[in-house]
């Protein structure tokens, strides 16, 4: 997920930076770094956990307790053909 894609995700969800930070369990400043793609002049990569959380929120999953899912049937929580899961 590139910085512009992250910003587009947040906006498509109708979230302010603070709201996105709260939902993702991050500080607002991290949201700003992810959207800018830099922190103190160095490139910032959006971690896979954050990318997956963005996807989960976009499909209506706001929390997950780990129950009722086998390792072989992850299709219940993610669509493996989704191009956003790179």
C-alpha atoms as a PDB file:
ATOM      1  CA  UNK A   1       0.000   0.000   0.000  1.00  0.00           C
ATOM      2  CA  UNK A   2       1.467   3.306  -1.080  1.00  0.00           C
ATOM      3  CA  UNK A   3       0.962   6.584   0.812  1.00  0.00           C
ATOM      4  CA  UNK A   4      -1.596   7.831  -1.741  1.00  0.00           C
ATOM      5  CA  UNK A   5      -3.500   4.552  -1.490  1.00  0.00           C
ATOM      6  CA  UNK A   6      -3.519   4.808   2.302  1.00  0.00           C
ATOM      7  CA  UNK A   7      -4.876   8.368   2.143  1.00  0.00           C
ATOM      8  CA  UNK A   8      -7.483   7.281  -0.428  1.00  0.00           C
ATOM      9  CA  UNK A   9      -8.542   4.409   1.871  1.00  0.00           C
ATOM     10  CA  UNK A  10      -8.961   6.779   4.812  1.00  0.00           C
ATOM     11  CA  UNK A  11     -10.948   9.268   2.780  1.00  0.00           C
ATOM     12  CA  UNK A  12     -13.118   6.556   1.203  1.00  0.00           C
ATOM     13  CA  UNK A  13     -14.025   5.472   4.727  1.00  0.00           C
ATOM     14  CA  UNK A  14     -14.962   9.063   5.589  1.00  0.00           C
ATOM     15  CA  UNK A  15     -12.363   9.198   8.364  1.00  0.00           C
ATOM     16  CA  UNK A  16     -10.310  12.070   9.691  1.00  0.00           C
ATOM     17  CA  UNK A  17      -6.706  11.244  10.512  1.00  0.00           C
ATOM     18  CA  UNK A  18      -7.506  11.031  14.239  1.00  0.00           C
ATOM     19  CA  UNK A  19     -10.448   8.684  13.575  1.00  0.00           C
ATOM     20  CA  UNK A  20      -8.285   6.402  11.420  1.00  0.00           C
ATOM     21  CA  UNK A  21      -5.599   6.399  14.112  1.00  0.00           C
ATOM     22  CA  UNK A  22      -8.135   5.405  16.770  1.00  0.00           C
ATOM     23  CA  UNK A  23      -9.557   2.580  14.641  1.00  0.00           C
ATOM     24  CA  UNK A  24      -6.107   1.246  13.767  1.00  0.00           C
ATOM     25  CA  UNK A  25      -4.704   1.620  17.288  1.00  0.00           C
ATOM     26  CA  UNK A  26      -2.111   4.165  16.191  1.00  0.00           C
ATOM     27  CA  UNK A  27      -1.145   7.725  17.000  1.00  0.00           C
ATOM     28  CA  UNK A  28      -2.391  10.426  14.623  1.00  0.00           C
ATOM     29  CA  UNK A  29       1.241  11.228  13.837  1.00  0.00           C
ATOM     30  CA  UNK A  30       1.768   7.724  12.381  1.00  0.00           C
ATOM     31  CA  UNK A  31      -1.198   8.270  10.072  1.00  0.00           C
ATOM     32  CA  UNK A  32       0.470  11.471   8.904  1.00  0.00           C
ATOM     33  CA  UNK A  33       3.762   9.631   8.286  1.00  0.00           C
ATOM     34  CA  UNK A  34       1.995   6.876   6.354  1.00  0.00           C
ATOM     35  CA  UNK A  35       0.197   9.428   4.185  1.00  0.00           C
ATOM     36  CA  UNK A  36       3.356  11.402   3.554  1.00  0.00           C
ATOM     37  CA  UNK A  37       5.489   8.297   3.034  1.00  0.00           C
ATOM     38  CA  UNK A  38       8.328   9.804   5.037  1.00  0.00           C
ATOM     39  CA  UNK A  39       9.413  10.339   8.608  1.00  0.00           C
ATOM     40  CA  UNK A  40      12.256  12.744   9.277  1.00  0.00           C
ATOM     41  CA  UNK A  41      13.310  12.455   5.639  1.00  0.00           C
ATOM     42  CA  UNK A  42      13.389   8.652   5.644  1.00  0.00           C
ATOM     43  CA  UNK A  43      10.935   6.436   3.769  1.00  0.00           C
ATOM     44  CA  UNK A  44       8.145   4.907   5.833  1.00  0.00           C
ATOM     45  CA  UNK A  45       6.634   1.550   4.909  1.00  0.00           C
ATOM     46  CA  UNK A  46       3.093   0.790   5.992  1.00  0.00           C
ATOM     47  CA  UNK A  47       3.286  -2.516   7.897  1.00  0.00           C
ATOM     48  CA  UNK A  48       1.346  -5.535   6.671  1.00  0.00           C
ATOM     49  CA  UNK A  49      -0.676  -5.563   9.905  1.00  0.00           C
ATOM     50  CA  UNK A  50      -1.898  -2.026   9.202  1.00  0.00           C
ATOM     51  CA  UNK A  51      -2.641  -2.843   5.554  1.00  0.00           C
ATOM     52  CA  UNK A  52      -4.662  -5.880   6.616  1.00  0.00           C
ATOM     53  CA  UNK A  53      -6.470  -3.854   9.273  1.00  0.00           C
ATOM     54  CA  UNK A  54      -7.402  -1.271   6.623  1.00  0.00           C
ATOM     55  CA  UNK A  55      -8.821  -4.036   4.452  1.00  0.00           C
ATOM     56  CA  UNK A  56     -10.726  -5.574   7.351  1.00  0.00           C
ATOM     57  CA  UNK A  57     -12.265  -2.227   8.275  1.00  0.00           C
ATOM     58  CA  UNK A  58     -13.208  -1.561   4.652  1.00  0.00           C
ATOM     59  CA  UNK A  59     -15.185  -4.824   4.487  1.00  0.00           C
ATOM     60  CA  UNK A  60     -16.902  -4.242   7.825  1.00  0.00           C
ATOM     61  CA  UNK A  61     -14.717  -6.235  10.205  1.00  0.00           C
ATOM     62  CA  UNK A  62     -14.064  -4.077  13.238  1.00  0.00           C
ATOM     63  CA  UNK A  63     -12.719  -6.736  15.614  1.00  0.00           C
ATOM     64  CA  UNK A  64     -11.772 -10.400  15.624  1.00  0.00           C
ATOM     65  CA  UNK A  65     -11.394 -12.734  18.585  1.00  0.00           C
ATOM     66  CA  UNK A  66      -9.864 -15.675  16.688  1.00  0.00           C
ATOM     67  CA  UNK A  67     -12.722 -18.071  17.228  1.00  0.00           C
ATOM     68  CA  UNK A  68     -14.341 -20.403  14.696  1.00  0.00           C
ATOM     69  CA  UNK A  69     -11.697 -20.073  11.995  1.00  0.00           C
ATOM     70  CA  UNK A  70      -9.467 -22.942  10.959  1.00  0.00           C
ATOM     71  CA  UNK A  71      -6.123 -22.349   9.308  1.00  0.00           C
ATOM     72  CA  UNK A  72      -7.449 -24.012   6.175  1.00  0.00           C
ATOM     73  CA  UNK A  73     -10.542 -21.840   5.859  1.00  0.00           C
ATOM     74  CA  UNK A  74      -9.278 -18.269   5.933  1.00  0.00           C
ATOM     75  CA  UNK A  75     -11.788 -17.444   3.181  1.00  0.00           C
ATOM     76  CA  UNK A  76     -14.233 -16.699   5.978  1.00  0.00           C
ATOM     77  CA  UNK A  77     -12.293 -13.540   6.826  1.00  0.00           C
ATOM     78  CA  UNK A  78     -10.393 -12.629   3.631  1.00  0.00           C
ATOM     79  CA  UNK A  79     -10.854 -13.041  -0.094  1.00  0.00           C
ATOM     80  CA  UNK A  80      -7.556 -14.473  -1.407  1.00  0.00           C
ATOM     81  CA  UNK A  81      -8.310 -13.141  -4.894  1.00  0.00           C
ATOM     82  CA  UNK A  82      -8.564  -9.544  -3.620  1.00  0.00           C
ATOM     83  CA  UNK A  83      -5.823  -7.519  -5.372  1.00  0.00           C
ATOM     84  CA  UNK A  84      -5.577  -5.216  -2.324  1.00  0.00           C
ATOM     85  CA  UNK A  85      -3.955  -8.000  -0.291  1.00  0.00           C
ATOM     86  CA  UNK A  86      -0.516  -7.727  -1.822  1.00  0.00           C
END
